Amino acid sequence: MFFTTYFAQARRLDPRKSNLVSIARYTPKGFLGRIYLPLAPSPSLLSYVKRTGDEEGYTKRFKAYLETLDVHKVAKDLKDGAILVCYETPEKFCHRHLVADWLREAGYKVCELKW
């Protein structure tokens, strides 16, 4: 099982007791979890969505990228119980939701942490 959340909420968790994993291209200073760049969007993809606002195009490109990865290897690398962390709040567009869907499609359970 995996979880997702955003950096502001991840601060509530003890990094010594939680498997926090940043999947952001640029992780904020002071983050005490692991960084897993294979699930981070590329700088060019981030630039694309910032420049165009095209979330649909971003989604298509990021999903195509995810399909180049071995989902089971990624799940093994993350380890059960990993909390995937990025920037946006749950109701906003964020690539972590695309990652969560990708993991679910492969049979893994993924839940957004809520406080």
N, C-alpha and C. Protein backbone atom coordinates (compact mmCIF):
# COMPACT_ATOMS: atom_id res chain seq x y z
N MET A 1 0.84 -1.18 0.00
CA MET A 1 0.00 0.00 0.00
C MET A 1 0.88 1.24 0.00
N PHE A 2 0.43 2.25 -0.75
CA PHE A 2 1.14 3.51 -0.82
C PHE A 2 0.19 4.65 -0.46
N PHE A 3 0.77 5.77 -0.13
CA PHE A 3 0.01 6.96 0.23
C PHE A 3 0.55 8.14 -0.55
N THR A 4 -0.25 9.20 -0.66
CA THR A 4 0.22 10.44 -1.26
C THR A 4 -0.16 11.59 -0.33
N THR A 5 0.62 12.66 -0.43
CA THR A 5 0.33 13.89 0.30
C THR A 5 1.17 15.00 -0.31
N TYR A 6 1.11 16.16 0.31
CA TYR A 6 1.89 17.30 -0.18
C TYR A 6 2.82 17.79 0.92
N PHE A 7 3.84 18.54 0.52
CA PHE A 7 4.91 18.91 1.45
C PHE A 7 4.42 19.61 2.71
N ALA A 8 3.46 20.51 2.60
CA ALA A 8 2.98 21.22 3.79
C ALA A 8 2.40 20.25 4.81
N GLN A 9 1.74 19.21 4.35
CA GLN A 9 1.17 18.21 5.26
C GLN A 9 2.24 17.22 5.73
N ALA A 10 3.20 16.93 4.89
CA ALA A 10 4.24 15.97 5.26
C ALA A 10 5.05 16.45 6.45
N ARG A 11 5.08 17.75 6.67
CA ARG A 11 5.80 18.29 7.82
C ARG A 11 5.23 17.78 9.14
N ARG A 12 3.99 17.35 9.13
CA ARG A 12 3.35 16.82 10.34
C ARG A 12 3.86 15.44 10.72
N LEU A 13 4.51 14.77 9.79
CA LEU A 13 4.95 13.40 10.00
C LEU A 13 6.40 13.34 10.45
N ASP A 14 6.70 12.40 11.30
CA ASP A 14 8.06 12.19 11.76
C ASP A 14 8.82 11.41 10.68
N PRO A 15 9.81 12.02 10.04
CA PRO A 15 10.52 11.34 8.95
C PRO A 15 11.27 10.09 9.43
N ARG A 16 11.53 9.97 10.71
CA ARG A 16 12.21 8.78 11.23
C ARG A 16 11.25 7.59 11.31
N LYS A 17 9.94 7.89 11.34
CA LYS A 17 8.94 6.84 11.47
C LYS A 17 8.09 6.68 10.21
N SER A 18 8.30 7.53 9.23
CA SER A 18 7.50 7.51 8.00
C SER A 18 8.41 7.32 6.80
N ASN A 19 7.91 6.63 5.82
CA ASN A 19 8.66 6.42 4.58
C ASN A 19 8.27 7.52 3.59
N LEU A 20 8.71 8.75 3.90
CA LEU A 20 8.42 9.90 3.05
C LEU A 20 9.31 9.87 1.82
N VAL A 21 8.69 10.06 0.65
CA VAL A 21 9.44 10.02 -0.60
C VAL A 21 9.00 11.18 -1.48
N SER A 22 9.90 12.12 -1.71
CA SER A 22 9.61 13.21 -2.63
C SER A 22 9.64 12.69 -4.05
N ILE A 23 8.58 12.99 -4.80
CA ILE A 23 8.57 12.66 -6.23
C ILE A 23 8.53 13.96 -7.04
N ALA A 24 8.98 15.03 -6.42
CA ALA A 24 9.04 16.34 -7.08
C ALA A 24 10.40 16.50 -7.76
N ARG A 25 10.42 17.21 -8.86
CA ARG A 25 11.69 17.50 -9.54
C ARG A 25 12.57 18.35 -8.64
N TYR A 26 11.97 19.28 -7.92
CA TYR A 26 12.72 20.18 -7.04
C TYR A 26 12.12 20.07 -5.64
N THR A 27 12.81 19.36 -4.78
CA THR A 27 12.34 19.13 -3.41
C THR A 27 12.74 20.31 -2.53
N PRO A 28 11.83 20.75 -1.66
CA PRO A 28 12.17 21.90 -0.81
C PRO A 28 13.29 21.59 0.18
N LYS A 29 14.06 22.60 0.50
CA LYS A 29 15.12 22.47 1.50
C LYS A 29 14.47 22.06 2.82
N GLY A 30 15.17 21.24 3.54
CA GLY A 30 14.69 20.80 4.84
C GLY A 30 13.85 19.53 4.80
N PHE A 31 13.52 19.03 3.62
CA PHE A 31 12.77 17.78 3.52
C PHE A 31 13.67 16.65 3.97
N LEU A 32 13.21 15.84 4.91
CA LEU A 32 14.06 14.81 5.50
C LEU A 32 13.79 13.40 4.99
N GLY A 33 12.91 13.26 4.01
CA GLY A 33 12.65 11.95 3.44
C GLY A 33 13.58 11.66 2.28
N ARG A 34 13.27 10.60 1.56
CA ARG A 34 14.04 10.23 0.37
C ARG A 34 13.55 11.01 -0.84
N ILE A 35 14.37 11.05 -1.86
CA ILE A 35 14.00 11.67 -3.13
C ILE A 35 14.03 10.58 -4.20
N TYR A 36 12.95 10.48 -4.97
CA TYR A 36 12.87 9.45 -6.02
C TYR A 36 12.57 10.15 -7.34
N LEU A 37 13.62 10.54 -8.04
CA LEU A 37 13.48 11.32 -9.26
C LEU A 37 12.85 10.59 -10.45
N PRO A 38 12.89 9.24 -10.52
CA PRO A 38 12.22 8.62 -11.66
C PRO A 38 10.72 8.94 -11.76
N LEU A 39 10.08 9.34 -10.66
CA LEU A 39 8.66 9.70 -10.70
C LEU A 39 8.44 11.21 -10.77
N ALA A 40 9.49 11.96 -10.91
CA ALA A 40 9.38 13.41 -11.03
C ALA A 40 9.21 13.81 -12.49
N PRO A 41 8.41 14.81 -12.76
CA PRO A 41 8.30 15.29 -14.14
C PRO A 41 9.63 15.93 -14.58
N SER A 42 9.91 15.83 -15.85
CA SER A 42 11.15 16.41 -16.38
C SER A 42 11.07 17.94 -16.32
N PRO A 43 12.21 18.60 -16.30
CA PRO A 43 12.20 20.07 -16.34
C PRO A 43 11.45 20.60 -17.57
N SER A 44 11.61 19.94 -18.71
CA SER A 44 10.92 20.43 -19.92
C SER A 44 9.41 20.26 -19.81
N LEU A 45 8.95 19.21 -19.15
CA LEU A 45 7.51 19.03 -18.97
C LEU A 45 6.96 20.07 -17.99
N LEU A 46 7.70 20.34 -16.95
CA LEU A 46 7.28 21.40 -16.01
C LEU A 46 7.21 22.75 -16.71
N SER A 47 8.20 23.02 -17.53
CA SER A 47 8.23 24.27 -18.29
C SER A 47 7.05 24.35 -19.25
N TYR A 48 6.74 23.23 -19.89
CA TYR A 48 5.62 23.17 -20.84
C TYR A 48 4.31 23.55 -20.17
N VAL A 49 4.00 22.92 -19.03
CA VAL A 49 2.72 23.19 -18.38
C VAL A 49 2.69 24.61 -17.80
N LYS A 50 3.82 25.08 -17.33
CA LYS A 50 3.88 26.45 -16.80
C LYS A 50 3.65 27.46 -17.93
N ARG A 51 4.24 27.20 -19.07
CA ARG A 51 4.16 28.11 -20.22
C ARG A 51 2.78 28.07 -20.87
N THR A 52 2.20 26.87 -21.00
CA THR A 52 0.96 26.72 -21.77
C THR A 52 -0.30 26.57 -20.91
N GLY A 53 -0.14 26.07 -19.68
CA GLY A 53 -1.30 25.77 -18.86
C GLY A 53 -2.07 24.55 -19.36
N ASP A 54 -1.50 23.80 -20.26
CA ASP A 54 -2.16 22.67 -20.90
C ASP A 54 -2.04 21.41 -20.03
N GLU A 55 -2.96 21.25 -19.08
CA GLU A 55 -2.92 20.09 -18.19
C GLU A 55 -3.21 18.80 -18.94
N GLU A 56 -4.04 18.85 -19.96
CA GLU A 56 -4.35 17.66 -20.75
C GLU A 56 -3.11 17.16 -21.50
N GLY A 57 -2.39 18.09 -22.12
CA GLY A 57 -1.16 17.73 -22.82
C GLY A 57 -0.10 17.22 -21.85
N TYR A 58 0.01 17.87 -20.71
CA TYR A 58 0.94 17.44 -19.67
C TYR A 58 0.61 16.01 -19.25
N THR A 59 -0.68 15.76 -18.98
CA THR A 59 -1.13 14.44 -18.55
C THR A 59 -0.76 13.38 -19.57
N LYS A 60 -1.05 13.66 -20.83
CA LYS A 60 -0.74 12.70 -21.90
C LYS A 60 0.76 12.40 -21.94
N ARG A 61 1.58 13.44 -21.88
CA ARG A 61 3.04 13.26 -21.95
C ARG A 61 3.57 12.53 -20.71
N PHE A 62 3.05 12.89 -19.53
CA PHE A 62 3.56 12.26 -18.31
C PHE A 62 3.14 10.79 -18.24
N LYS A 63 1.90 10.49 -18.65
CA LYS A 63 1.46 9.09 -18.67
C LYS A 63 2.30 8.27 -19.65
N ALA A 64 2.62 8.84 -20.79
CA ALA A 64 3.47 8.14 -21.76
C ALA A 64 4.85 7.86 -21.14
N TYR A 65 5.37 8.83 -20.39
CA TYR A 65 6.64 8.62 -19.71
C TYR A 65 6.52 7.49 -18.68
N LEU A 66 5.47 7.51 -17.88
CA LEU A 66 5.30 6.46 -16.86
C LEU A 66 5.29 5.07 -17.49
N GLU A 67 4.73 4.96 -18.68
CA GLU A 67 4.67 3.66 -19.34
C GLU A 67 6.04 3.13 -19.73
N THR A 68 7.07 3.97 -19.72
CA THR A 68 8.43 3.50 -20.00
C THR A 68 9.08 2.89 -18.76
N LEU A 69 8.45 3.07 -17.61
CA LEU A 69 8.99 2.55 -16.35
C LEU A 69 8.38 1.19 -16.03
N ASP A 70 9.09 0.40 -15.27
CA ASP A 70 8.59 -0.87 -14.77
C ASP A 70 7.89 -0.59 -13.44
N VAL A 71 6.56 -0.63 -13.45
CA VAL A 71 5.79 -0.26 -12.27
C VAL A 71 6.14 -1.12 -11.06
N HIS A 72 6.42 -2.39 -11.28
CA HIS A 72 6.73 -3.27 -10.15
C HIS A 72 8.12 -2.99 -9.57
N LYS A 73 9.05 -2.61 -10.42
CA LYS A 73 10.37 -2.20 -9.92
C LYS A 73 10.24 -0.91 -9.12
N VAL A 74 9.46 0.03 -9.64
CA VAL A 74 9.24 1.29 -8.93
C VAL A 74 8.62 1.02 -7.57
N ALA A 75 7.58 0.18 -7.53
CA ALA A 75 6.92 -0.14 -6.26
C ALA A 75 7.91 -0.77 -5.28
N LYS A 76 8.76 -1.64 -5.78
CA LYS A 76 9.77 -2.26 -4.92
C LYS A 76 10.77 -1.21 -4.40
N ASP A 77 11.19 -0.31 -5.29
CA ASP A 77 12.12 0.77 -4.88
C ASP A 77 11.49 1.66 -3.80
N LEU A 78 10.20 1.96 -3.96
CA LEU A 78 9.54 2.85 -3.02
C LEU A 78 9.36 2.19 -1.65
N LYS A 79 9.09 0.91 -1.65
CA LYS A 79 8.83 0.09 -0.46
C LYS A 79 7.40 0.32 0.04
N ASP A 80 6.81 -0.75 0.51
CA ASP A 80 5.44 -0.70 1.01
C ASP A 80 5.31 0.37 2.09
N GLY A 81 4.21 1.09 2.02
CA GLY A 81 3.96 2.14 3.00
C GLY A 81 4.54 3.50 2.63
N ALA A 82 5.20 3.58 1.48
CA ALA A 82 5.79 4.86 1.07
C ALA A 82 4.72 5.94 0.96
N ILE A 83 5.09 7.13 1.38
CA ILE A 83 4.21 8.30 1.27
C ILE A 83 4.82 9.20 0.20
N LEU A 84 4.19 9.23 -0.97
CA LEU A 84 4.70 10.01 -2.11
C LEU A 84 4.29 11.46 -1.93
N VAL A 85 5.28 12.34 -1.97
CA VAL A 85 5.05 13.74 -1.62
C VAL A 85 5.39 14.65 -2.80
N CYS A 86 4.50 15.62 -3.03
CA CYS A 86 4.72 16.66 -4.01
C CYS A 86 4.13 17.96 -3.46
N TYR A 87 3.90 18.95 -4.31
CA TYR A 87 3.55 20.28 -3.83
C TYR A 87 2.06 20.59 -3.69
N GLU A 88 1.26 20.15 -4.61
CA GLU A 88 -0.12 20.63 -4.69
C GLU A 88 -1.04 19.96 -3.68
N THR A 89 -2.03 20.73 -3.22
CA THR A 89 -3.05 20.17 -2.33
C THR A 89 -3.88 19.15 -3.10
N PRO A 90 -4.61 18.28 -2.40
CA PRO A 90 -5.32 17.18 -3.07
C PRO A 90 -6.29 17.59 -4.18
N GLU A 91 -6.90 18.74 -4.07
CA GLU A 91 -7.90 19.13 -5.07
C GLU A 91 -7.28 19.78 -6.31
N LYS A 92 -6.00 20.06 -6.27
CA LYS A 92 -5.36 20.71 -7.42
C LYS A 92 -4.67 19.68 -8.31
N PHE A 93 -4.52 20.06 -9.57
CA PHE A 93 -3.82 19.21 -10.54
C PHE A 93 -2.38 19.00 -10.07
N CYS A 94 -1.96 17.74 -10.05
CA CYS A 94 -0.59 17.41 -9.64
C CYS A 94 -0.21 16.06 -10.22
N HIS A 95 1.03 15.92 -10.60
CA HIS A 95 1.47 14.65 -11.19
C HIS A 95 1.39 13.50 -10.21
N ARG A 96 1.37 13.76 -8.89
CA ARG A 96 1.29 12.64 -7.95
C ARG A 96 -0.02 11.88 -8.10
N HIS A 97 -1.09 12.58 -8.55
CA HIS A 97 -2.36 11.90 -8.79
C HIS A 97 -2.23 10.96 -10.00
N LEU A 98 -1.46 11.36 -10.99
CA LEU A 98 -1.21 10.51 -12.15
C LEU A 98 -0.38 9.29 -11.75
N VAL A 99 0.61 9.50 -10.88
CA VAL A 99 1.42 8.39 -10.37
C VAL A 99 0.54 7.44 -9.57
N ALA A 100 -0.32 7.99 -8.73
CA ALA A 100 -1.22 7.14 -7.93
C ALA A 100 -2.12 6.30 -8.83
N ASP A 101 -2.67 6.90 -9.88
CA ASP A 101 -3.52 6.15 -10.81
C ASP A 101 -2.73 5.05 -11.51
N TRP A 102 -1.51 5.36 -11.90
CA TRP A 102 -0.64 4.39 -12.56
C TRP A 102 -0.37 3.19 -11.65
N LEU A 103 -0.09 3.46 -10.39
CA LEU A 103 0.13 2.38 -9.43
C LEU A 103 -1.15 1.56 -9.22
N ARG A 104 -2.28 2.25 -9.10
CA ARG A 104 -3.57 1.55 -8.92
C ARG A 104 -3.87 0.64 -10.12
N GLU A 105 -3.61 1.14 -11.32
CA GLU A 105 -3.87 0.34 -12.53
C GLU A 105 -3.04 -0.94 -12.54
N ALA A 106 -1.91 -0.94 -11.83
CA ALA A 106 -1.05 -2.12 -11.74
C ALA A 106 -1.43 -2.99 -10.54
N GLY A 107 -2.49 -2.61 -9.83
CA GLY A 107 -2.97 -3.43 -8.73
C GLY A 107 -2.55 -3.01 -7.34
N TYR A 108 -1.86 -1.89 -7.22
CA TYR A 108 -1.44 -1.42 -5.91
C TYR A 108 -2.51 -0.51 -5.31
N LYS A 109 -2.63 -0.55 -4.00
CA LYS A 109 -3.57 0.34 -3.31
C LYS A 109 -2.84 1.64 -2.98
N VAL A 110 -3.48 2.76 -3.30
CA VAL A 110 -2.90 4.09 -3.05
C VAL A 110 -3.99 4.98 -2.48
N CYS A 111 -3.70 5.64 -1.36
CA CYS A 111 -4.65 6.56 -0.73
C CYS A 111 -3.99 7.89 -0.41
N GLU A 112 -4.75 8.96 -0.59
CA GLU A 112 -4.28 10.30 -0.20
C GLU A 112 -4.45 10.42 1.31
N LEU A 113 -3.40 10.82 2.00
CA LEU A 113 -3.50 11.06 3.44
C LEU A 113 -4.34 12.29 3.68
N LYS A 114 -5.24 12.20 4.64
CA LYS A 114 -6.10 13.34 4.97
C LYS A 114 -6.04 13.58 6.47
N TRP A 115 -6.00 14.84 6.83
CA TRP A 115 -5.98 15.21 8.24
C TRP A 115 -7.24 15.97 8.57
